[in-house]
Each structure stands twice: as structure tokens, then as C-alpha cells.
Amino acid sequence: MFGKIHSEETKDMMRKRKNKYPLGVGIFDLQGNLISKFENNVELAKHLKVSKVTVGKYLNNNLIYDNSYYFRPIMDEFSL
């Protein structure tokens, strides 16, 4: 691979395989209803204009964000 460049398709494939949450992460209200879905926690952090570390903390510890939202991984495609 020395001196060669990965195609965008290959880069996308590597990103998806590296992703900890293959179906994405979501913002849920306190009743458990899905509000928004994102490919990964970095996109969620950009949407909320916060650090990805902050999103990870709330996601991994099941904490309530801004007194009204949970961040959770999407478990299956049918929960949408």
C-alpha cells in the first residue's frame, strides 16, 4: 500500500466496520421514543455542538442529557 491511496468507497467500508454501533445511535426522549438517528456518536456530537467525549459519557453511562434526552445505540432496524 505504500504510496497508494484508498478510494472513498474503501474508506466508507472501513469506517462502518470500525464503528462501535453498527446501526447507529439515537436521541431518545424520557419515554423512550426515538427523536433523531445518527450514524455514530461523532455525528451526534456535531449536531448538538458538543464534544464527542461528552456524548460518549452520556451514551455509556445512560445519563440524561439536558434534563430531557437519552443517547442510546439503535438496537435493531425495527425499533424506528
PDB file of N, CA and C in Angstrom:
ATOM      1  N   MET A   1       0.818  -1.208   0.000  1.00  0.00           N
ATOM      2  CA  MET A   1       0.000   0.000   0.000  1.00  0.00           C
ATOM      3  C   MET A   1       0.858   1.267   0.000  1.00  0.00           C
ATOM      4  N   PHE A   2       2.149   1.129   0.143  1.00  0.00           N
ATOM      5  CA  PHE A   2       2.998   2.317   0.212  1.00  0.00           C
ATOM      6  C   PHE A   2       2.823   3.163  -1.044  1.00  0.00           C
ATOM      7  N   GLY A   3       2.485   4.429  -0.861  1.00  0.00           N
ATOM      8  CA  GLY A   3       2.322   5.348  -1.981  1.00  0.00           C
ATOM      9  C   GLY A   3       0.960   5.286  -2.654  1.00  0.00           C
ATOM     10  N   LYS A   4       0.089   4.422  -2.184  1.00  0.00           N
ATOM     11  CA  LYS A   4      -1.242   4.297  -2.791  1.00  0.00           C
ATOM     12  C   LYS A   4      -2.273   4.956  -1.886  1.00  0.00           C
ATOM     13  N   ILE A   5      -3.407   5.301  -2.458  1.00  0.00           N
ATOM     14  CA  ILE A   5      -4.473   5.981  -1.730  1.00  0.00           C
ATOM     15  C   ILE A   5      -5.739   5.131  -1.784  1.00  0.00           C
ATOM     16  N   HIS A   6      -6.411   5.010  -0.642  1.00  0.00           N
ATOM     17  CA  HIS A   6      -7.681   4.281  -0.599  1.00  0.00           C
ATOM     18  C   HIS A   6      -8.764   5.076  -1.320  1.00  0.00           C
ATOM     19  N   SER A   7      -9.658   4.352  -1.988  1.00  0.00           N
ATOM     20  CA  SER A   7     -10.795   5.004  -2.622  1.00  0.00           C
ATOM     21  C   SER A   7     -11.795   5.423  -1.549  1.00  0.00           C
ATOM     22  N   GLU A   8     -12.706   6.326  -1.886  1.00  0.00           N
ATOM     23  CA  GLU A   8     -13.739   6.769  -0.930  1.00  0.00           C
ATOM     24  C   GLU A   8     -14.629   5.600  -0.518  1.00  0.00           C
ATOM     25  N   GLU A   9     -14.902   4.697  -1.444  1.00  0.00           N
ATOM     26  CA  GLU A   9     -15.726   3.532  -1.132  1.00  0.00           C
ATOM     27  C   GLU A   9     -15.046   2.655  -0.075  1.00  0.00           C
ATOM     28  N   THR A  10     -13.750   2.458  -0.217  1.00  0.00           N
ATOM     29  CA  THR A  10     -12.992   1.667   0.745  1.00  0.00           C
ATOM     30  C   THR A  10     -12.943   2.365   2.100  1.00  0.00           C
ATOM     31  N   LYS A  11     -12.764   3.678   2.089  1.00  0.00           N
ATOM     32  CA  LYS A  11     -12.741   4.437   3.340  1.00  0.00           C
ATOM     33  C   LYS A  11     -14.069   4.321   4.069  1.00  0.00           C
ATOM     34  N   ASP A  12     -15.188   4.406   3.343  1.00  0.00           N
ATOM     35  CA  ASP A  12     -16.515   4.262   3.951  1.00  0.00           C
ATOM     36  C   ASP A  12     -16.688   2.875   4.561  1.00  0.00           C
ATOM     37  N   MET A  13     -16.221   1.845   3.851  1.00  0.00           N
ATOM     38  CA  MET A  13     -16.325   0.475   4.339  1.00  0.00           C
ATOM     39  C   MET A  13     -15.518   0.315   5.632  1.00  0.00           C
ATOM     40  N   MET A  14     -14.334   0.894   5.694  1.00  0.00           N
ATOM     41  CA  MET A  14     -13.505   0.804   6.904  1.00  0.00           C
ATOM     42  C   MET A  14     -14.149   1.550   8.065  1.00  0.00           C
ATOM     43  N   ARG A  15     -14.763   2.699   7.782  1.00  0.00           N
ATOM     44  CA  ARG A  15     -15.440   3.465   8.833  1.00  0.00           C
ATOM     45  C   ARG A  15     -16.583   2.659   9.440  1.00  0.00           C
ATOM     46  N   LYS A  16     -17.360   2.001   8.581  1.00  0.00           N
ATOM     47  CA  LYS A  16     -18.509   1.233   9.063  1.00  0.00           C
ATOM     48  C   LYS A  16     -18.072   0.028   9.883  1.00  0.00           C
ATOM     49  N   ARG A  17     -16.992  -0.606   9.503  1.00  0.00           N
ATOM     50  CA  ARG A  17     -16.506  -1.759  10.260  1.00  0.00           C
ATOM     51  C   ARG A  17     -15.924  -1.347  11.599  1.00  0.00           C
ATOM     52  N   LYS A  18     -15.346  -0.164  11.657  1.00  0.00           N
ATOM     53  CA  LYS A  18     -14.734   0.320  12.887  1.00  0.00           C
ATOM     54  C   LYS A  18     -15.779   0.839  13.877  1.00  0.00           C
ATOM     55  N   ASN A  19     -16.945   1.184  13.382  1.00  0.00           N
ATOM     56  CA  ASN A  19     -17.994   1.784  14.191  1.00  0.00           C
ATOM     57  C   ASN A  19     -18.426   0.847  15.325  1.00  0.00           C
ATOM     58  N   LYS A  20     -18.436   1.351  16.549  1.00  0.00           N
ATOM     59  CA  LYS A  20     -18.844   0.575  17.717  1.00  0.00           C
ATOM     60  C   LYS A  20     -20.336   0.250  17.677  1.00  0.00           C
ATOM     61  N   TYR A  21     -21.124   1.125  17.077  1.00  0.00           N
ATOM     62  CA  TYR A  21     -22.573   0.949  16.985  1.00  0.00           C
ATOM     63  C   TYR A  21     -22.953   0.821  15.513  1.00  0.00           C
ATOM     64  N   PRO A  22     -22.998  -0.396  14.981  1.00  0.00           N
ATOM     65  CA  PRO A  22     -23.210  -0.581  13.538  1.00  0.00           C
ATOM     66  C   PRO A  22     -24.545  -0.054  13.013  1.00  0.00           C
ATOM     67  N   LEU A  23     -25.578  -0.004  13.846  1.00  0.00           N
ATOM     68  CA  LEU A  23     -26.871   0.514  13.403  1.00  0.00           C
ATOM     69  C   LEU A  23     -27.041   1.983  13.751  1.00  0.00           C
ATOM     70  N   GLY A  24     -26.054   2.571  14.405  1.00  0.00           N
ATOM     71  CA  GLY A  24     -26.092   3.989  14.731  1.00  0.00           C
ATOM     72  C   GLY A  24     -26.506   4.253  16.162  1.00  0.00           C
ATOM     73  N   VAL A  25     -26.575   5.525  16.489  1.00  0.00           N
ATOM     74  CA  VAL A  25     -27.008   5.969  17.813  1.00  0.00           C
ATOM     75  C   VAL A  25     -28.178   6.920  17.641  1.00  0.00           C
ATOM     76  N   GLY A  26     -28.970   7.052  18.689  1.00  0.00           N
ATOM     77  CA  GLY A  26     -30.136   7.913  18.589  1.00  0.00           C
ATOM     78  C   GLY A  26     -30.308   8.788  19.809  1.00  0.00           C
ATOM     79  N   ILE A  27     -31.077   9.840  19.610  1.00  0.00           N
ATOM     80  CA  ILE A  27     -31.516  10.686  20.707  1.00  0.00           C
ATOM     81  C   ILE A  27     -32.937  10.242  21.038  1.00  0.00           C
ATOM     82  N   PHE A  28     -33.148   9.878  22.301  1.00  0.00           N
ATOM     83  CA  PHE A  28     -34.451   9.407  22.755  1.00  0.00           C
ATOM     84  C   PHE A  28     -34.979  10.345  23.827  1.00  0.00           C
ATOM     85  N   ASP A  29     -36.302  10.535  23.863  1.00  0.00           N
ATOM     86  CA  ASP A  29     -36.878  11.320  24.949  1.00  0.00           C
ATOM     87  C   ASP A  29     -36.983  10.433  26.188  1.00  0.00           C
ATOM     88  N   LEU A  30     -37.472  10.979  27.284  1.00  0.00           N
ATOM     89  CA  LEU A  30     -37.518  10.240  28.543  1.00  0.00           C
ATOM     90  C   LEU A  30     -38.496   9.071  28.521  1.00  0.00           C
ATOM     91  N   GLN A  31     -39.452   9.084  27.589  1.00  0.00           N
ATOM     92  CA  GLN A  31     -40.391   7.974  27.446  1.00  0.00           C
ATOM     93  C   GLN A  31     -39.843   6.864  26.556  1.00  0.00           C
ATOM     94  N   GLY A  32     -38.669   7.070  25.968  1.00  0.00           N
ATOM     95  CA  GLY A  32     -38.045   6.055  25.129  1.00  0.00           C
ATOM     96  C   GLY A  32     -38.364   6.180  23.657  1.00  0.00           C
ATOM     97  N   ASN A  33     -38.962   7.288  23.228  1.00  0.00           N
ATOM     98  CA  ASN A  33     -39.280   7.492  21.814  1.00  0.00           C
ATOM     99  C   ASN A  33     -38.067   8.066  21.079  1.00  0.00           C
ATOM    100  N   LEU A  34     -37.783   7.507  19.911  1.00  0.00           N
ATOM    101  CA  LEU A  34     -36.660   7.966  19.105  1.00  0.00           C
ATOM    102  C   LEU A  34     -36.976   9.332  18.508  1.00  0.00           C
ATOM    103  N   ILE A  35     -36.060  10.277  18.683  1.00  0.00           N
ATOM    104  CA  ILE A  35     -36.233  11.622  18.143  1.00  0.00           C
ATOM    105  C   ILE A  35     -35.397  11.794  16.871  1.00  0.00           C
ATOM    106  N   SER A  36     -34.111  11.422  16.957  1.00  0.00           N
ATOM    107  CA  SER A  36     -33.207  11.533  15.800  1.00  0.00           C
ATOM    108  C   SER A  36     -32.231  10.373  15.809  1.00  0.00           C
ATOM    109  N   LYS A  37     -31.819   9.959  14.613  1.00  0.00           N
ATOM    110  CA  LYS A  37     -30.872   8.867  14.464  1.00  0.00           C
ATOM    111  C   LYS A  37     -29.623   9.386  13.752  1.00  0.00           C
ATOM    112  N   PHE A  38     -28.440   8.910  14.176  1.00  0.00           N
ATOM    113  CA  PHE A  38     -27.173   9.314  13.589  1.00  0.00           C
ATOM    114  C   PHE A  38     -26.323   8.079  13.325  1.00  0.00           C
ATOM    115  N   GLU A  39     -25.416   8.182  12.361  1.00  0.00           N
ATOM    116  CA  GLU A  39     -24.543   7.065  12.002  1.00  0.00           C
ATOM    117  C   GLU A  39     -23.621   6.667  13.148  1.00  0.00           C
ATOM    118  N   ASN A  40     -23.127   7.660  13.901  1.00  0.00           N
ATOM    119  CA  ASN A  40     -22.215   7.382  15.012  1.00  0.00           C
ATOM    120  C   ASN A  40     -22.268   8.529  16.013  1.00  0.00           C
ATOM    121  N   ASN A  41     -21.535   8.363  17.105  1.00  0.00           N
ATOM    122  CA  ASN A  41     -21.583   9.383  18.147  1.00  0.00           C
ATOM    123  C   ASN A  41     -20.881  10.675  17.744  1.00  0.00           C
ATOM    124  N   VAL A  42     -19.985  10.627  16.770  1.00  0.00           N
ATOM    125  CA  VAL A  42     -19.321  11.850  16.299  1.00  0.00           C
ATOM    126  C   VAL A  42     -20.327  12.746  15.575  1.00  0.00           C
ATOM    127  N   GLU A  43     -21.168  12.160  14.738  1.00  0.00           N
ATOM    128  CA  GLU A  43     -22.205  12.943  14.047  1.00  0.00           C
ATOM    129  C   GLU A  43     -23.201  13.523  15.058  1.00  0.00           C
ATOM    130  N   LEU A  44     -23.531  12.756  16.072  1.00  0.00           N
ATOM    131  CA  LEU A  44     -24.425  13.232  17.124  1.00  0.00           C
ATOM    132  C   LEU A  44     -23.800  14.416  17.852  1.00  0.00           C
ATOM    133  N   ALA A  45     -22.509  14.329  18.149  1.00  0.00           N
ATOM    134  CA  ALA A  45     -21.807  15.415  18.827  1.00  0.00           C
ATOM    135  C   ALA A  45     -21.781  16.677  17.968  1.00  0.00           C
ATOM    136  N   LYS A  46     -21.559  16.524  16.675  1.00  0.00           N
ATOM    137  CA  LYS A  46     -21.566  17.685  15.771  1.00  0.00           C
ATOM    138  C   LYS A  46     -22.944  18.321  15.715  1.00  0.00           C
ATOM    139  N   HIS A  47     -23.983  17.496  15.696  1.00  0.00           N
ATOM    140  CA  HIS A  47     -25.355  18.005  15.654  1.00  0.00           C
ATOM    141  C   HIS A  47     -25.674  18.839  16.891  1.00  0.00           C
ATOM    142  N   LEU A  48     -25.227  18.372  18.048  1.00  0.00           N
ATOM    143  CA  LEU A  48     -25.507  19.070  19.306  1.00  0.00           C
ATOM    144  C   LEU A  48     -24.468  20.140  19.640  1.00  0.00           C
ATOM    145  N   LYS A  49     -23.400  20.195  18.836  1.00  0.00           N
ATOM    146  CA  LYS A  49     -22.296  21.143  19.058  1.00  0.00           C
ATOM    147  C   LYS A  49     -21.662  20.939  20.437  1.00  0.00           C
ATOM    148  N   VAL A  50     -21.406  19.669  20.766  1.00  0.00           N
ATOM    149  CA  VAL A  50     -20.700  19.309  21.990  1.00  0.00           C
ATOM    150  C   VAL A  50     -19.559  18.374  21.624  1.00  0.00           C
ATOM    151  N   SER A  51     -18.719  18.068  22.589  1.00  0.00           N
ATOM    152  CA  SER A  51     -17.583  17.176  22.384  1.00  0.00           C
ATOM    153  C   SER A  51     -18.057  15.738  22.206  1.00  0.00           C
ATOM    154  N   LYS A  52     -17.333  14.961  21.394  1.00  0.00           N
ATOM    155  CA  LYS A  52     -17.681  13.550  21.251  1.00  0.00           C
ATOM    156  C   LYS A  52     -17.425  12.800  22.549  1.00  0.00           C
ATOM    157  N   VAL A  53     -16.521  13.307  23.392  1.00  0.00           N
ATOM    158  CA  VAL A  53     -16.285  12.717  24.708  1.00  0.00           C
ATOM    159  C   VAL A  53     -17.526  12.878  25.582  1.00  0.00           C
ATOM    160  N   THR A  54     -18.154  14.031  25.502  1.00  0.00           N
ATOM    161  CA  THR A  54     -19.389  14.272  26.259  1.00  0.00           C
ATOM    162  C   THR A  54     -20.485  13.306  25.818  1.00  0.00           C
ATOM    163  N   VAL A  55     -20.646  13.153  24.517  1.00  0.00           N
ATOM    164  CA  VAL A  55     -21.656  12.218  24.003  1.00  0.00           C
ATOM    165  C   VAL A  55     -21.343  10.802  24.468  1.00  0.00           C
ATOM    166  N   GLY A  56     -20.080  10.415  24.403  1.00  0.00           N
ATOM    167  CA  GLY A  56     -19.687   9.082  24.845  1.00  0.00           C
ATOM    168  C   GLY A  56     -19.991   8.851  26.315  1.00  0.00           C
ATOM    169  N   LYS A  57     -19.759   9.866  27.142  1.00  0.00           N
ATOM    170  CA  LYS A  57     -20.041   9.751  28.577  1.00  0.00           C
ATOM    171  C   LYS A  57     -21.530   9.519  28.819  1.00  0.00           C
ATOM    172  N   TYR A  58     -22.376  10.296  28.166  1.00  0.00           N
ATOM    173  CA  TYR A  58     -23.818  10.142  28.337  1.00  0.00           C
ATOM    174  C   TYR A  58     -24.319   8.830  27.735  1.00  0.00           C
ATOM    175  N   LEU A  59     -23.720   8.417  26.635  1.00  0.00           N
ATOM    176  CA  LEU A  59     -24.122   7.187  25.953  1.00  0.00           C
ATOM    177  C   LEU A  59     -23.749   5.955  26.777  1.00  0.00           C
ATOM    178  N   ASN A  60     -22.526   5.915  27.279  1.00  0.00           N
ATOM    179  CA  ASN A  60     -22.043   4.735  28.004  1.00  0.00           C
ATOM    180  C   ASN A  60     -22.602   4.614  29.411  1.00  0.00           C
ATOM    181  N   ASN A  61     -22.955   5.726  30.031  1.00  0.00           N
ATOM    182  CA  ASN A  61     -23.436   5.698  31.419  1.00  0.00           C
ATOM    183  C   ASN A  61     -24.940   5.858  31.545  1.00  0.00           C
ATOM    184  N   ASN A  62     -25.639   5.919  30.410  1.00  0.00           N
ATOM    185  CA  ASN A  62     -27.096   6.026  30.390  1.00  0.00           C
ATOM    186  C   ASN A  62     -27.590   7.230  31.199  1.00  0.00           C
ATOM    187  N   LEU A  63     -26.910   8.363  31.022  1.00  0.00           N
ATOM    188  CA  LEU A  63     -27.263   9.589  31.726  1.00  0.00           C
ATOM    189  C   LEU A  63     -28.268  10.405  30.933  1.00  0.00           C
ATOM    190  N   ILE A  64     -28.987  11.281  31.622  1.00  0.00           N
ATOM    191  CA  ILE A  64     -29.962  12.162  30.975  1.00  0.00           C
ATOM    192  C   ILE A  64     -29.255  13.441  30.552  1.00  0.00           C
ATOM    193  N   TYR A  65     -29.353  13.777  29.277  1.00  0.00           N
ATOM    194  CA  TYR A  65     -28.732  14.982  28.735  1.00  0.00           C
ATOM    195  C   TYR A  65     -29.739  16.127  28.748  1.00  0.00           C
ATOM    196  N   ASP A  66     -29.341  17.259  29.249  1.00  0.00           N
ATOM    197  CA  ASP A  66     -30.154  18.479  29.247  1.00  0.00           C
ATOM    198  C   ASP A  66     -31.524  18.253  29.906  1.00  0.00           C
ATOM    199  N   ASN A  67     -31.568  17.366  30.870  1.00  0.00           N
ATOM    200  CA  ASN A  67     -32.788  17.034  31.626  1.00  0.00           C
ATOM    201  C   ASN A  67     -33.948  16.538  30.775  1.00  0.00           C
ATOM    202  N   SER A  68     -33.679  16.118  29.527  1.00  0.00           N
ATOM    203  CA  SER A  68     -34.801  15.669  28.707  1.00  0.00           C
ATOM    204  C   SER A  68     -34.466  14.618  27.647  1.00  0.00           C
ATOM    205  N   TYR A  69     -33.210  14.213  27.490  1.00  0.00           N
ATOM    206  CA  TYR A  69     -32.855  13.269  26.424  1.00  0.00           C
ATOM    207  C   TYR A  69     -31.891  12.199  26.909  1.00  0.00           C
ATOM    208  N   TYR A  70     -32.009  11.023  26.312  1.00  0.00           N
ATOM    209  CA  TYR A  70     -31.040   9.945  26.463  1.00  0.00           C
ATOM    210  C   TYR A  70     -30.348   9.749  25.125  1.00  0.00           C
ATOM    211  N   PHE A  71     -29.099   9.325  25.167  1.00  0.00           N
ATOM    212  CA  PHE A  71     -28.392   8.879  23.967  1.00  0.00           C
ATOM    213  C   PHE A  71     -28.241   7.372  24.095  1.00  0.00           C
ATOM    214  N   ARG A  72     -28.719   6.645  23.104  1.00  0.00           N
ATOM    215  CA  ARG A  72     -28.655   5.190  23.148  1.00  0.00           C
ATOM    216  C   ARG A  72     -28.307   4.636  21.776  1.00  0.00           C
ATOM    217  N   PRO A  73     -27.650   3.470  21.759  1.00  0.00           N
ATOM    218  CA  PRO A  73     -27.412   2.815  20.472  1.00  0.00           C
ATOM    219  C   PRO A  73     -28.726   2.277  19.904  1.00  0.00           C
ATOM    220  N   ILE A  74     -28.841   2.279  18.602  1.00  0.00           N
ATOM    221  CA  ILE A  74     -30.004   1.682  17.932  1.00  0.00           C
ATOM    222  C   ILE A  74     -29.787   0.175  17.956  1.00  0.00           C
ATOM    223  N   MET A  75     -30.733  -0.559  18.514  1.00  0.00           N
ATOM    224  CA  MET A  75     -30.557  -2.000  18.682  1.00  0.00           C
ATOM    225  C   MET A  75     -30.982  -2.808  17.451  1.00  0.00           C
ATOM    226  N   ASP A  76     -32.071  -2.418  16.817  1.00  0.00           N
ATOM    227  CA  ASP A  76     -32.496  -3.124  15.610  1.00  0.00           C
ATOM    228  C   ASP A  76     -33.222  -2.143  14.694  1.00  0.00           C
ATOM    229  N   GLU A  77     -33.323  -2.522  13.447  1.00  0.00           N
ATOM    230  CA  GLU A  77     -33.931  -1.632  12.451  1.00  0.00           C
ATOM    231  C   GLU A  77     -35.431  -1.459  12.674  1.00  0.00           C
ATOM    232  N   PHE A  78     -36.041  -2.368  13.417  1.00  0.00           N
ATOM    233  CA  PHE A  78     -37.487  -2.321  13.615  1.00  0.00           C
ATOM    234  C   PHE A  78     -37.896  -1.401  14.749  1.00  0.00           C
ATOM    235  N   SER A  79     -36.912  -0.906  15.522  1.00  0.00           N
ATOM    236  CA  SER A  79     -37.249  -0.012  16.636  1.00  0.00           C
ATOM    237  C   SER A  79     -37.456   1.426  16.163  1.00  0.00           C
ATOM    238  N   LEU A  80     -37.308   1.658  14.878  1.00  0.00           N
ATOM    239  CA  LEU A  80     -37.516   3.007  14.339  1.00  0.00           C
ATOM    240  C   LEU A  80     -38.976   3.208  14.177  1.00  0.00           C
TER     241      LEU A  80
END
